Protein backbone atom coordinates (compact mmCIF):
# COMPACT_ATOMS: atom_id res chain seq x y z
CA UNK A 1 25.33 7.18 -6.83
CA UNK A 2 21.81 6.39 -8.15
CA UNK A 3 23.13 2.89 -9.15
CA UNK A 4 24.08 1.83 -5.51
CA UNK A 5 20.94 3.10 -3.90
CA UNK A 6 19.00 1.00 -6.65
CA UNK A 7 21.19 -1.89 -5.91
CA UNK A 8 20.66 -1.52 -2.03
CA UNK A 9 16.66 -0.59 -2.67
CA UNK A 10 14.54 -3.47 -0.96
CA UNK A 11 11.93 -5.17 -2.80
CA UNK A 12 7.82 -3.84 -2.17
CA UNK A 13 7.20 -7.43 -0.51
CA UNK A 14 10.30 -7.82 2.16
CA UNK A 15 9.03 -3.98 3.28
CA UNK A 16 5.48 -4.92 3.64
CA UNK A 17 6.62 -7.84 5.52
CA UNK A 18 8.76 -6.25 7.71
CA UNK A 19 6.41 -3.33 8.49
CA UNK A 20 3.85 -6.53 9.34
CA UNK A 21 5.96 -7.98 11.95
CA UNK A 22 7.19 -4.82 13.76
CA UNK A 23 3.83 -3.56 13.92
CA UNK A 24 2.60 -6.90 14.91
CA UNK A 25 5.52 -7.05 18.01
CA UNK A 26 3.99 -3.87 19.11
CA UNK A 27 0.88 -4.54 19.26
CA UNK A 28 1.23 -7.44 21.45
CA UNK A 29 3.59 -5.73 23.45
CA UNK A 30 0.61 -2.80 23.96
CA UNK A 31 -1.57 -5.75 24.92
CA UNK A 32 0.69 -6.85 27.70
CA UNK A 33 1.47 -3.36 28.81
CA UNK A 34 -2.03 -3.24 29.14
CA UNK A 35 -2.79 -6.06 31.12
CA UNK A 36 0.23 -4.50 33.49
CA UNK A 37 -1.22 -1.55 33.84
CA UNK A 38 -5.21 -2.55 34.46
CA UNK A 39 -4.05 -4.80 37.32
CA UNK A 40 -2.51 -2.18 39.10
CA UNK A 41 -5.86 -0.83 39.08
CA UNK A 42 -6.33 1.46 36.12
CA UNK A 43 -9.35 1.40 34.72
CA UNK A 44 -9.24 0.19 30.84
CA UNK A 45 -10.86 3.33 29.44
CA UNK A 46 -8.95 5.54 31.23
CA UNK A 47 -5.78 3.67 29.87
CA UNK A 48 -6.87 3.78 26.39
CA UNK A 49 -7.03 7.37 26.85
CA UNK A 50 -3.45 8.03 28.06
CA UNK A 51 -2.28 5.92 25.52
CA UNK A 52 -3.77 7.49 22.47
CA UNK A 53 -3.17 11.20 24.17
CA UNK A 54 0.39 10.73 24.60
CA UNK A 55 1.34 8.99 21.50
CA UNK A 56 -1.14 11.29 19.53
CA UNK A 57 0.96 14.84 21.12
CA UNK A 58 4.41 13.27 20.26
CA UNK A 59 3.61 12.75 16.71
CA UNK A 60 2.15 15.78 16.37
CA UNK A 61 5.26 17.38 17.68
CA UNK A 62 7.19 15.59 15.84
CA UNK A 63 5.67 16.53 12.41
CA UNK A 64 7.12 19.57 10.55
CA UNK A 65 3.03 20.78 9.57
CA UNK A 66 1.45 20.68 12.75
CA UNK A 67 -1.21 23.41 11.03
CA UNK A 68 -2.57 20.38 8.53
CA UNK A 69 -4.04 18.81 11.55
CA UNK A 70 -6.40 21.55 12.13
CA UNK A 71 -8.29 21.57 8.09
CA UNK A 72 -12.00 20.80 7.90
CA UNK A 73 -11.65 18.08 5.34
CA UNK A 74 -9.58 15.67 7.76
CA UNK A 75 -11.75 16.37 10.50
CA UNK A 76 -14.87 13.07 9.62
CA UNK A 77 -11.44 10.96 8.90
CA UNK A 78 -10.15 11.82 12.19
CA UNK A 79 -13.29 10.94 14.22
CA UNK A 80 -14.69 7.68 12.65
CA UNK A 81 -10.73 6.32 12.15
CA UNK A 82 -10.16 7.23 15.47
CA UNK A 83 -13.49 5.24 16.62
CA UNK A 84 -13.09 2.17 14.36
CA UNK A 85 -9.74 1.73 14.80
CA UNK A 86 -8.59 2.80 18.22
CA UNK A 87 -10.73 3.88 20.63
CA UNK A 88 -14.17 1.19 20.23
CA UNK A 89 -11.26 -1.82 20.01
CA UNK A 90 -8.68 -1.04 22.16
CA UNK A 91 -10.61 -0.21 25.39
CA UNK A 92 -12.41 -3.25 24.60
CA UNK A 93 -8.84 -5.41 24.25
CA UNK A 94 -7.80 -3.52 27.60
CA UNK A 95 -10.63 -5.04 29.69
CA UNK A 96 -11.05 -8.08 28.08
CA UNK A 97 -6.58 -8.76 28.90
CA UNK A 98 -7.19 -9.19 32.26
CA UNK A 99 -10.34 -11.48 32.18
CA UNK A 100 -9.47 -13.53 29.60
CA UNK A 101 -5.55 -13.15 29.02
CA UNK A 102 -3.08 -11.72 26.61
CA UNK A 103 -2.51 -14.22 24.25
CA UNK A 104 -6.26 -14.65 23.73
CA UNK A 105 -7.04 -11.35 23.69
CA UNK A 106 -4.27 -11.11 21.09
CA UNK A 107 -5.96 -13.23 18.68
CA UNK A 108 -9.37 -11.21 18.47
CA UNK A 109 -6.88 -9.00 16.62
CA UNK A 110 -6.35 -11.70 14.03
CA UNK A 111 -9.97 -11.83 12.79
CA UNK A 112 -10.47 -8.78 10.92
CA UNK A 113 -9.32 -10.20 7.35
CA UNK A 114 -12.00 -12.07 6.05
CA UNK A 115 -14.49 -9.43 6.99
CA UNK A 116 -12.09 -6.87 5.32
CA UNK A 117 -11.77 -8.88 2.60
CA UNK A 118 -15.57 -9.26 2.15
CA UNK A 119 -16.01 -5.34 2.60
CA UNK A 120 -13.32 -4.48 0.23
CA UNK A 121 -14.23 -7.32 -2.26
CA UNK A 122 -18.00 -5.40 -1.87
CA UNK A 123 -16.73 -2.06 -2.61
CA UNK A 124 -15.03 -3.05 -5.54
CA UNK A 125 -11.54 -2.79 -3.99
CA UNK A 126 -10.37 -6.02 -4.40
CA UNK A 127 -10.59 -8.69 -7.25
CA UNK A 128 -12.78 -11.89 -6.85
CA UNK A 129 -9.71 -14.14 -5.88
CA UNK A 130 -10.95 -17.72 -4.42
CA UNK A 131 -7.25 -18.63 -3.14
CA UNK A 132 -7.05 -15.42 -1.40
CA UNK A 133 -10.25 -16.13 0.11
CA UNK A 134 -9.42 -19.63 0.94
CA UNK A 135 -6.51 -18.66 2.73
CA UNK A 136 -8.04 -16.05 5.06
CA UNK A 137 -10.83 -18.62 5.72
CA UNK A 138 -8.22 -21.16 7.04
CA UNK A 139 -6.40 -18.33 9.22
CA UNK A 140 -10.05 -17.16 10.74
CA UNK A 141 -11.52 -20.49 11.36
CA UNK A 142 -8.14 -21.72 13.18
CA UNK A 143 -8.69 -18.34 14.93
CA UNK A 144 -12.24 -19.80 15.70
CA UNK A 145 -11.09 -22.62 17.25
CA UNK A 146 -8.67 -21.29 19.40
CA UNK A 147 -11.10 -19.54 20.87
CA UNK A 148 -12.79 -22.62 21.11
CA UNK A 149 -10.13 -24.28 23.17
CA UNK A 150 -9.36 -21.15 25.28
CA UNK A 151 -12.87 -21.09 26.21
CA UNK A 152 -13.10 -25.05 27.36
CA UNK A 153 -9.70 -24.10 29.21
CA UNK A 154 -11.18 -21.20 31.02
CA UNK A 155 -14.62 -22.78 31.88
CA UNK A 156 -15.20 -19.80 34.94
CA UNK A 157 -15.02 -17.10 32.40
CA UNK A 158 -18.40 -15.72 31.12
CA UNK A 159 -19.43 -16.48 27.47
CA UNK A 160 -20.47 -12.85 26.96
CA UNK A 161 -17.19 -11.98 27.11
CA UNK A 162 -15.94 -13.89 24.26
CA UNK A 163 -18.97 -12.36 22.56
CA UNK A 164 -17.69 -8.70 23.33
CA UNK A 165 -14.69 -9.80 22.60
CA UNK A 166 -15.94 -10.18 18.57
CA UNK A 167 -16.86 -6.63 18.56
CA UNK A 168 -12.81 -6.02 18.11
CA UNK A 169 -12.81 -7.39 14.94
CA UNK A 170 -15.52 -5.62 13.51
CA UNK A 171 -14.85 -2.40 14.40
CA UNK A 172 -11.21 -2.90 12.93
CA UNK A 173 -12.85 -4.23 9.90
CA UNK A 174 -14.49 -1.30 9.06
CA UNK A 175 -11.74 0.73 10.60
CA UNK A 176 -9.43 -1.40 7.95
CA UNK A 177 -11.58 -0.55 4.65
CA UNK A 178 -12.14 3.19 5.27
CA UNK A 179 -8.96 4.42 6.22
CA UNK A 180 -7.87 2.96 2.58
CA UNK A 181 -11.19 4.46 1.48
CA UNK A 182 -11.09 8.06 2.76
CA UNK A 183 -7.38 8.17 2.75
CA UNK A 184 -7.07 12.22 2.00
CA UNK A 185 -4.96 13.39 -0.95
CA UNK A 186 -1.78 14.58 -0.40
CA UNK A 187 -2.09 13.58 3.55
CA UNK A 188 1.00 12.18 5.54
CA UNK A 189 1.47 9.09 7.22
CA UNK A 190 2.02 11.28 10.52
CA UNK A 191 -0.16 13.68 10.53
CA UNK A 192 -3.51 10.94 10.04
CA UNK A 193 -2.17 9.08 12.76
CA UNK A 194 -1.20 12.27 14.97
CA UNK A 195 -4.96 13.40 14.24
CA UNK A 196 -6.55 10.29 14.74
CA UNK A 197 -5.02 9.26 18.07
CA UNK A 198 -5.83 13.29 19.57
CA UNK A 199 -9.48 12.34 18.01
CA UNK A 200 -9.67 8.72 20.24
CA UNK A 201 -8.31 10.89 22.70
CA UNK A 202 -11.45 12.93 23.08
CA UNK A 203 -13.79 10.54 22.36
CA UNK A 204 -12.61 8.32 25.61
CA UNK A 205 -12.47 11.21 27.51
CA UNK A 206 -16.33 12.05 26.50
CA UNK A 207 -16.84 8.58 27.44
CA UNK A 208 -15.18 8.33 30.88
CA UNK A 209 -17.29 11.78 31.86
CA UNK A 210 -20.19 10.32 30.89
CA UNK A 211 -19.69 7.25 33.09
CA UNK A 212 -17.61 8.98 36.03
CA UNK A 213 -14.66 7.23 35.06
CA UNK A 214 -11.17 8.50 36.95
CA UNK A 215 -8.63 9.23 34.20
CA UNK A 216 -6.23 9.49 36.64
CA UNK A 217 -7.36 7.98 40.07
CA UNK A 218 -5.67 9.40 43.02
CA UNK A 219 -2.60 7.42 44.79
CA UNK A 220 -1.40 6.34 40.84
CA UNK A 221 2.02 4.60 41.46
CA UNK A 222 4.98 6.14 40.20
CA UNK A 223 5.02 2.27 38.37
CA UNK A 224 2.03 3.03 36.73
CA UNK A 225 2.78 6.11 35.24
CA UNK A 226 6.21 4.65 33.79
CA UNK A 227 3.94 2.19 32.01
CA UNK A 228 1.86 4.96 30.83
CA UNK A 229 4.71 6.85 29.33
CA UNK A 230 5.90 3.78 27.74
CA UNK A 231 2.57 3.28 26.41
CA UNK A 232 2.46 6.48 24.82
CA UNK A 233 6.08 6.10 23.26
CA UNK A 234 5.39 2.96 22.16
CA UNK A 235 1.65 3.62 20.50
CA UNK A 236 3.09 6.43 18.45
CA UNK A 237 5.81 4.59 16.93
CA UNK A 238 3.22 1.79 16.31
CA UNK A 239 0.49 3.91 14.45
CA UNK A 240 3.43 5.58 12.04
CA UNK A 241 4.12 2.35 11.33
CA UNK A 242 0.84 1.38 10.45
CA UNK A 243 -0.29 4.16 8.70
CA UNK A 244 3.00 3.45 6.66
CA UNK A 245 2.01 0.20 5.97
CA UNK A 246 -1.63 1.16 5.64
CA UNK A 247 -0.15 3.44 2.81
CA UNK A 248 2.30 1.13 0.98
CA UNK A 249 -0.17 -1.96 1.20
CA UNK A 250 -4.26 -2.50 -0.06
CA UNK A 251 -6.84 -3.12 3.35
CA UNK A 252 -6.86 -7.28 3.03
CA UNK A 253 -3.29 -6.82 3.37
CA UNK A 254 -3.05 -4.82 5.83
CA UNK A 255 -5.56 -6.54 8.15
CA UNK A 256 -3.11 -9.25 8.24
CA UNK A 257 -1.43 -7.57 11.00
CA UNK A 258 -3.95 -9.10 13.45
CA UNK A 259 -3.21 -12.43 13.02
CA UNK A 260 0.56 -11.87 13.37
CA UNK A 261 0.05 -10.01 16.40
CA UNK A 262 -1.74 -13.12 17.83
CA UNK A 263 1.07 -14.94 17.06
CA UNK A 264 3.63 -12.69 19.28
CA UNK A 265 0.50 -11.80 21.77
CA UNK A 266 0.55 -15.88 22.71
CA UNK A 267 4.61 -15.99 22.94
CA UNK A 268 4.45 -12.85 25.29
CA UNK A 269 1.57 -14.50 27.11
CA UNK A 270 3.53 -17.67 27.91
CA UNK A 271 7.07 -15.75 28.57
CA UNK A 272 6.01 -12.72 30.74
CA UNK A 273 2.85 -14.03 32.00
CA UNK A 274 3.26 -17.79 32.48
CA UNK A 275 0.32 -18.38 30.42
CA UNK A 276 -0.30 -21.45 29.50
CA UNK A 277 -1.70 -23.05 26.45
CA UNK A 278 -2.39 -26.64 25.04
CA UNK A 279 -0.87 -28.33 22.22
CA UNK A 280 -4.53 -27.65 20.44
CA UNK A 281 -4.16 -23.94 20.40
CA UNK A 282 -0.72 -24.16 19.20
CA UNK A 283 -2.02 -26.03 16.53
CA UNK A 284 -4.17 -23.67 15.69
CA UNK A 285 -1.47 -20.88 15.47
CA UNK A 286 0.58 -23.06 12.78
CA UNK A 287 -3.17 -22.86 10.96
CA UNK A 288 -3.61 -19.21 10.67
CA UNK A 289 0.52 -18.91 9.61
CA UNK A 290 -0.44 -21.81 7.11
CA UNK A 291 -3.88 -19.70 5.73
CA UNK A 292 -1.95 -16.01 5.48
CA UNK A 293 0.67 -18.05 3.79
CA UNK A 294 -2.12 -19.80 0.93
CA UNK A 295 -3.65 -15.72 0.91
CA UNK A 296 -0.58 -14.05 0.03
CA UNK A 297 0.66 -16.68 -2.55
CA UNK A 298 -2.44 -15.99 -4.20
CA UNK A 299 -1.84 -12.65 -4.91
CA UNK A 300 1.14 -9.57 -4.39
CA UNK A 301 -0.33 -6.37 -2.26
CA UNK A 302 -0.54 -3.43 -4.65
CA UNK A 303 1.07 -0.40 -3.28
CA UNK A 304 -2.13 2.81 -2.82
């Protein structure tokens, strides 16, 4: 029996890449649903609130150790992880998706790797690896190329919106490193995901109250409520997979999730929203993939 089990066990690299691809697709789908919902009149902050609240409750109900979420040692982790990894970047992303498109917004989630690598390097979490740095640099410069091309194609869009989009990778980079450094001992991924999502929902609710934003405007259509429920369930799955990936891989490998999500985001934008992208943008997508391949050949990620 043991021999059979070991024979069919997957290599670590295969598991990590499987989790990465699934998670990237779910994030891209999350942005697509956000564009559909905010186009129906729901504020971005309100959408982010319901997304994280529903997902957090679902994960909390699924875990068998619900009391663990009240432990004081988790409080700071939930708050910092929720703000940097979910609340701030998602609220900005959901706002930008209707302004700049699902494809472009997805690209913002591809920019954290280089910042994550530098932070992790500075903290001693990553060894000096110039080949990995070169691969990540190619991927990030390709994303920058895509941003420039997209801005040229959308000449009526305010440059401030593109600048605002940079807050997404900055916050995600901080969150990537923080979660790896501050991962509580003997904590299960589902508990951490549930607590982080609920902390994010609380922060978004406070922000909505401070800005007089309605969390559920009157006359909300059943279609919109259906999107919210679907988004909540998909988000629960997204962050469960994300925390499992974070547990198994280092922060730099995890940060490549954004580039995978960006590629899926472009494809969903074309298929679902009929967004059009030039050959120059698709060239940038190819360079992103090439940079990630170079980065991953430089060194295999080690399990944490």
